[in-house]
Protein backbone atom coordinates (compact mmCIF):
# COMPACT_ATOMS: atom_id res chain seq x y z
CA MET A 1 99.73 52.88 15.13
CA ALA A 2 100.46 49.27 15.81
CA GLN A 3 97.06 47.81 14.73
CA ASP A 4 98.70 44.33 14.38
CA ARG A 5 99.80 44.23 18.01
CA PRO A 6 98.59 40.99 19.83
CA GLU A 7 95.45 41.61 21.90
CA SER A 8 97.09 40.22 24.83
CA ASN A 9 99.01 43.33 25.17
CA THR A 10 98.10 46.00 27.96
CA VAL A 11 98.39 49.61 28.14
CA GLU A 12 102.02 50.67 28.77
CA ARG A 13 102.09 54.50 28.17
CA LEU A 14 99.86 57.39 28.49
CA LEU A 15 100.45 60.55 26.16
CA LEU A 16 98.63 63.74 27.41
CA ALA A 17 98.00 66.25 24.60
CA SER A 18 98.98 69.90 25.50
CA PRO A 19 97.18 72.18 25.11
CA ARG A 20 94.01 70.35 26.25
CA GLY A 21 90.82 71.41 28.39
CA TYR A 22 89.62 74.90 29.40
CA CYS A 23 89.99 77.97 27.03
CA ALA A 24 90.09 81.38 28.17
CA GLY A 25 86.30 81.85 27.02
CA VAL A 26 85.31 78.81 29.08
CA ASP A 27 87.27 80.07 32.08
CA ARG A 28 85.77 83.37 31.97
CA ALA A 29 82.10 82.07 31.64
CA VAL A 30 82.36 79.62 34.48
CA GLN A 31 84.19 82.37 36.75
CA ALA A 32 81.28 84.83 35.73
CA VAL A 33 78.73 82.43 37.39
CA GLU A 34 80.84 81.73 40.32
CA ARG A 35 81.53 85.45 40.93
CA ALA A 36 77.62 86.28 40.27
CA LEU A 37 76.86 83.63 43.25
CA GLU A 38 79.48 85.10 45.23
CA VAL A 39 78.38 88.69 44.71
CA HIS A 40 74.56 88.36 44.68
CA GLY A 41 73.99 84.96 46.40
CA ALA A 42 71.89 82.11 45.17
CA PRO A 43 69.81 81.86 42.89
CA VAL A 44 71.51 83.09 39.85
CA TYR A 45 69.92 82.07 36.64
CA VAL A 46 72.00 80.86 33.58
CA ARG A 47 70.21 80.91 30.01
CA LYS A 48 71.23 77.68 28.22
CA GLU A 49 74.22 75.80 29.64
CA ILE A 50 77.01 78.15 30.48
CA VAL A 51 79.35 75.80 28.72
CA HIS A 52 78.68 72.54 27.19
CA ASN A 53 79.96 70.23 29.89
CA LYS A 54 77.66 68.38 32.12
CA HIS A 55 80.06 68.18 34.94
CA VAL A 56 80.55 72.05 35.06
CA VAL A 57 76.82 72.47 34.93
CA GLU A 58 75.73 70.15 37.80
CA ASP A 59 78.73 71.58 39.79
CA LEU A 60 77.49 75.32 39.35
CA ARG A 61 73.75 73.93 39.97
CA ARG A 62 74.90 72.64 43.53
CA ARG A 63 76.30 75.88 44.22
CA GLY A 64 72.90 77.58 43.47
CA ALA A 65 72.72 78.36 39.68
CA ILE A 66 69.52 77.56 37.97
CA PHE A 67 69.68 76.78 34.28
CA VAL A 68 66.83 77.61 31.99
CA GLU A 69 66.36 77.32 28.19
CA GLU A 70 64.84 80.76 27.60
CA GLU A 71 64.90 84.16 29.28
CA HIS A 72 60.92 84.22 29.68
CA GLU A 73 61.44 81.35 32.20
CA ILE A 74 63.33 83.99 34.50
CA PRO A 75 61.54 85.69 37.37
CA GLU A 76 61.45 89.40 36.45
CA GLY A 77 64.55 91.35 37.85
CA SER A 78 66.62 88.34 38.60
CA VAL A 79 70.32 88.18 38.16
CA THR A 80 70.88 86.39 34.74
CA VAL A 81 74.04 85.12 32.94
CA PHE A 82 74.08 84.62 29.45
CA SER A 83 76.32 81.59 28.30
CA ALA A 84 79.77 81.80 26.64
CA HIS A 85 78.03 80.78 23.24
CA GLY A 86 76.33 84.11 22.67
CA ILE A 87 72.85 85.39 22.16
CA ALA A 88 70.63 87.01 19.53
CA PRO A 89 69.82 90.56 19.97
CA SER A 90 66.16 89.52 20.52
CA VAL A 91 67.21 87.70 23.63
CA ARG A 92 68.84 90.94 24.83
CA ALA A 93 65.73 92.85 24.34
CA ASN A 94 63.56 90.34 26.15
CA ALA A 95 65.75 90.25 28.95
CA GLN A 96 65.61 94.16 29.29
CA ALA A 97 61.87 93.97 29.12
CA ARG A 98 61.95 91.64 32.13
CA ALA A 99 64.36 93.96 33.91
CA LEU A 100 66.90 91.21 34.31
CA GLN A 101 70.11 91.97 35.94
CA THR A 102 72.19 90.40 33.08
CA ILE A 103 75.87 89.53 32.93
CA ASP A 104 76.94 88.69 29.50
CA ALA A 105 79.47 85.93 29.59
CA THR A 106 79.72 85.52 25.71
CA CYS A 107 83.01 84.41 24.63
CA PRO A 108 84.98 87.53 23.05
CA LEU A 109 85.86 85.38 20.27
CA VAL A 110 82.00 84.65 19.60
CA THR A 111 81.45 88.50 19.89
CA LYS A 112 83.79 89.00 17.11
CA VAL A 113 81.90 86.86 14.66
CA HIS A 114 78.74 88.82 15.68
CA VAL A 115 80.53 92.11 14.84
CA GLU A 116 81.42 90.63 11.56
CA ALA A 117 78.06 89.65 10.89
CA ARG A 118 76.64 92.95 11.60
CA ARG A 119 79.33 94.73 9.44
CA PHE A 120 78.73 92.55 6.47
CA ALA A 121 74.88 92.93 6.73
CA ASP A 122 75.08 96.86 7.08
CA ALA A 123 77.15 96.79 3.87
CA GLY A 124 74.69 94.95 1.99
CA TYR A 125 76.14 91.48 1.90
CA THR A 126 74.52 88.23 1.72
CA ILE A 127 76.25 86.26 4.58
CA VAL A 128 77.05 82.43 4.40
CA LEU A 129 77.71 81.12 7.85
CA VAL A 130 79.41 77.83 8.17
CA GLY A 131 78.27 76.05 11.16
CA HIS A 132 76.23 73.36 12.67
CA TYR A 133 72.42 73.70 12.53
CA GLY A 134 70.80 74.20 16.08
CA HIS A 135 74.23 74.91 17.81
CA GLU A 136 73.56 77.75 20.32
CA GLU A 137 76.61 79.77 18.73
CA VAL A 138 74.94 79.45 15.42
CA GLU A 139 71.72 80.57 16.61
CA GLY A 140 73.08 83.71 18.41
CA THR A 141 75.00 84.70 15.15
CA MET A 142 72.11 84.23 12.82
CA GLY A 143 70.16 86.38 15.03
CA GLU A 144 72.36 89.37 14.49
CA ALA A 145 71.09 89.67 10.77
CA PRO A 146 68.45 87.08 10.36
CA ASP A 147 67.48 88.44 6.92
CA SER A 148 71.06 88.40 5.59
CA ILE A 149 72.40 85.11 6.80
CA VAL A 150 72.01 81.46 5.28
CA LEU A 151 73.70 78.47 7.08
CA VAL A 152 75.70 75.78 5.36
CA GLN A 153 77.02 72.61 7.28
CA ASP A 154 79.06 71.14 4.26
CA GLU A 155 80.05 71.23 0.67
CA ARG A 156 76.96 69.79 -0.46
CA ASP A 157 75.00 72.67 1.19
CA VAL A 158 77.41 74.97 -0.82
CA ASP A 159 76.62 73.27 -3.98
CA GLU A 160 72.87 73.71 -3.41
CA LEU A 161 73.01 77.22 -2.48
CA GLU A 162 70.80 79.63 -4.68
CA LEU A 163 71.53 83.18 -3.87
CA ASP A 164 70.46 86.64 -5.33
CA HIS A 165 72.90 89.25 -5.71
CA VAL A 166 76.01 87.38 -5.70
CA GLU A 167 78.14 90.10 -6.39
CA ARG A 168 78.09 90.99 -2.65
CA ILE A 169 78.59 87.87 -0.77
CA ALA A 170 80.45 87.04 2.47
CA TYR A 171 81.20 84.34 4.80
CA ILE A 172 81.71 83.78 8.40
CA THR A 173 82.27 80.67 10.64
CA GLN A 174 81.17 78.99 13.80
CA THR A 175 84.36 79.44 16.17
CA THR A 176 84.39 75.70 17.13
CA LEU A 177 84.46 73.74 13.69
CA SER A 178 86.82 71.32 12.49
CA ILE A 179 89.88 73.31 10.89
CA ASP A 180 90.54 70.93 7.88
CA GLU A 181 86.65 70.57 7.09
CA THR A 182 86.06 74.23 7.44
CA SER A 183 88.83 74.98 4.99
CA SER A 184 87.38 72.61 2.40
CA ILE A 185 83.89 74.24 2.61
CA VAL A 186 85.34 77.63 2.45
CA ALA A 187 87.53 76.56 -0.58
CA ARG A 188 84.23 75.27 -2.16
CA LEU A 189 82.42 78.71 -1.36
CA HIS A 190 85.32 80.32 -3.14
CA GLU A 191 85.15 77.96 -6.16
CA ARG A 192 81.20 78.80 -6.50
CA PHE A 193 81.43 82.51 -5.72
CA PRO A 194 84.95 83.78 -6.81
CA GLN A 195 84.01 87.27 -5.41
CA ILE A 196 83.19 86.12 -1.91
CA VAL A 197 84.93 87.89 0.96
CA GLY A 198 85.64 86.78 4.46
CA PRO A 199 86.45 88.11 7.81
CA ARG A 200 89.67 90.04 8.54
CA THR A 201 91.17 87.16 10.41
CA ASP A 202 89.90 83.45 10.68
CA ASP A 203 86.87 82.79 12.88
CA ILE A 204 88.04 79.45 14.37
CA CYS A 205 89.40 80.16 17.99
CA TYR A 206 92.71 79.80 19.07
CA ALA A 207 91.72 77.08 21.41
CA THR A 208 89.89 75.11 18.86
CA THR A 209 92.95 75.39 16.44
CA ASN A 210 95.57 74.41 19.28
CA ARG A 211 93.63 71.51 20.59
CA GLN A 212 93.16 70.11 17.12
CA ALA A 213 96.97 70.46 16.35
CA ALA A 214 97.89 68.83 19.38
CA VAL A 215 95.56 65.80 18.78
CA LYS A 216 96.94 65.76 14.90
CA GLN A 217 100.30 65.48 16.28
CA LEU A 218 99.63 63.07 19.19
CA ALA A 219 97.20 60.56 17.38
CA PRO A 220 99.80 58.99 15.00
CA GLU A 221 101.82 57.92 18.01
CA CYS A 222 98.84 56.32 19.74
CA ASP A 223 96.96 52.94 19.36
CA LEU A 224 93.69 54.71 21.04
CA LEU A 225 92.97 58.34 21.86
CA LEU A 226 90.38 59.35 24.21
CA VAL A 227 88.61 62.77 24.35
CA ILE A 228 87.08 63.98 27.40
CA GLY A 229 83.96 65.96 26.69
CA SER A 230 80.30 66.19 26.78
CA ARG A 231 78.02 64.90 23.83
CA ASN A 232 76.93 68.33 23.07
CA SER A 233 80.37 69.94 22.87
CA SER A 234 81.06 70.72 19.42
CA ASN A 235 84.78 71.30 19.70
CA SER A 236 85.23 67.92 21.73
CA ALA A 237 83.54 66.13 18.83
CA ARG A 238 85.92 67.71 16.47
CA LEU A 239 88.79 66.53 18.22
CA VAL A 240 87.51 62.93 18.01
CA GLU A 241 87.20 63.36 14.31
CA VAL A 242 90.59 64.66 13.83
CA ALA A 243 92.15 61.73 15.77
CA ARG A 244 90.06 59.27 13.57
CA ALA A 245 91.13 61.14 10.48
CA CYS A 246 94.66 60.21 11.39
CA GLY A 247 93.91 56.59 11.37
CA THR A 248 93.61 56.26 15.24
CA HIS A 249 90.74 54.72 17.35
CA SER A 250 89.23 57.50 19.27
CA TYR A 251 86.22 57.83 21.36
CA LEU A 252 84.29 60.68 23.27
CA ILE A 253 83.83 60.14 27.01
CA ASP A 254 82.34 62.29 29.81
CA ASN A 255 84.73 60.85 32.37
CA ALA A 256 86.63 57.87 33.55
CA SER A 257 83.49 55.74 34.34
CA GLN A 258 82.72 55.66 30.62
CA LEU A 259 85.95 53.81 29.70
CA ASN A 260 85.15 50.71 27.77
CA GLU A 261 87.43 47.59 28.05
CA GLU A 262 86.76 46.56 24.49
CA TRP A 263 88.86 49.85 23.38
CA LEU A 264 91.80 48.86 25.30
CA ARG A 265 92.30 45.46 23.68
CA GLY A 266 95.74 45.42 21.59
CA ALA A 267 96.38 49.09 23.05
CA ARG A 268 99.86 49.70 24.31
CA VAL A 269 99.83 53.65 23.75
CA VAL A 270 96.68 55.57 24.83
CA GLY A 271 96.55 59.38 24.23
CA ILE A 272 94.16 61.57 26.10
CA SER A 273 92.80 65.02 25.25
CA SER A 274 90.04 67.06 26.43
CA GLY A 275 87.45 69.67 24.89
CA ALA A 276 87.80 73.33 25.67
CA SER A 277 84.85 73.10 28.22
CA ALA A 278 86.32 70.03 30.14
CA PRO A 279 87.78 70.80 33.35
CA GLU A 280 91.17 69.23 34.00
CA ASN A 281 90.32 67.36 37.12
CA LEU A 282 88.36 64.79 34.90
CA VAL A 283 91.61 64.35 32.79
CA GLN A 284 93.42 63.71 35.98
CA GLU A 285 90.86 61.13 37.25
CA LEU A 286 91.09 59.31 33.89
CA VAL A 287 94.93 59.25 34.39
CA ASP A 288 94.41 58.07 38.10
CA THR A 289 92.30 55.18 36.68
CA PHE A 290 95.23 54.01 34.35
CA ARG A 291 97.62 54.42 37.05
CA ALA A 292 95.49 52.12 39.05
CA ARG A 293 95.91 49.59 36.24
CA GLY A 294 99.56 49.67 36.53
CA VAL A 295 100.54 52.23 34.03
CA ARG A 296 103.55 54.23 35.20
CA ASP A 297 104.56 55.80 32.06
CA VAL A 298 102.84 59.09 31.68
CA ARG A 299 104.12 61.82 29.30
CA GLU A 300 102.82 65.20 28.57
CA VAL A 301 103.36 66.06 24.86
CA HIS A 302 103.44 69.87 24.56
CA VAL A 303 102.45 71.19 21.02
CA ARG A 304 101.85 74.91 21.29
CA SER A 305 101.75 77.34 24.35
CA GLU A 306 98.64 79.36 25.28
CA ASP A 307 98.56 82.78 27.34
CA VAL A 308 95.23 83.96 26.34
CA ARG A 309 93.13 85.59 29.21
CA PHE A 310 89.92 87.41 28.91
CA MET A 311 88.59 89.87 31.57
CA LEU A 312 85.56 89.02 33.36
CA PRO A 313 82.07 90.71 32.20
CA LYS A 314 82.17 94.36 33.00
CA GLU A 315 78.89 93.78 35.24
CA ILE A 316 80.99 91.84 37.88
CA ARG A 317 84.37 93.27 37.44
CA ALA A 318 84.35 95.83 40.15
CA PRO A 319 87.15 95.14 42.84
CA ARG A 320 85.82 93.70 46.25
CA ALA A 321 85.11 96.38 48.79
CA VAL A 322 88.11 96.92 51.16
CA ALA A 323 87.13 97.28 54.90
CA ALA A 324 87.88 100.38 56.64
CA PRO A 325 90.71 100.28 59.03
């Protein structure tokens, strides 16, 4: 929008995407670590980053969480939280062998994909997983049926697939992908393998869908759209891609300190969204930065409502003890 405006113009309006920020799975995972610290005391070990946001991780680290890459780094018998991205069965077995007191904070929507993977594998299907190589969610999902799953990242990978027994082939997807990109990959899979079957319902999580829809509606009204999220957050990176696909300049930042003055030249309307693992206080800090620059017109653009809530992991769901009178 307004790419020909003179560069002397300053930002006049902020548009805040709604929904944005924390999804139910992230909220549950962060609360799981907080509750584990409350119940068991520090240290509480967390395998991988609980969610892909460095501010969240640093805050929990200050409270007494210790983040490790693999379960074998954790002292035997320790309280251990598995991240929202899910784990392979081998990790669970290793944890059991080390007598770890585990709390599984895997997002229920990721668990759904794991169940699909096992169901297809048990039925003798070759499974095509649409996802990003090296992402923790992908590693956990592939671990559910390593002999049955092949990974594709784009349409070119689909074209290069060489599969045996193509009469029984299925696909599943990572939950945090770009909706449009995933649709094109799945369409290509159907072209190559007309008999392919998919999950009963879409694997892309509701929060990913809603945040991308909000950005898609917001971006054409903006000269610039900023997404708050960490570099390793897949869903945050996809929001930037969605905005750019709309023809809007867009950048991913961890917080307000990364705002680049060059991006603001000629921009009168700036949109703001945040990934599903970014806390709302980071958005408000960015809004405050613009308010300090004199921006007074701040509007919320509501696209979809969300009322999804997930129960805490069963290991820490017990109510607090009530003191006797």
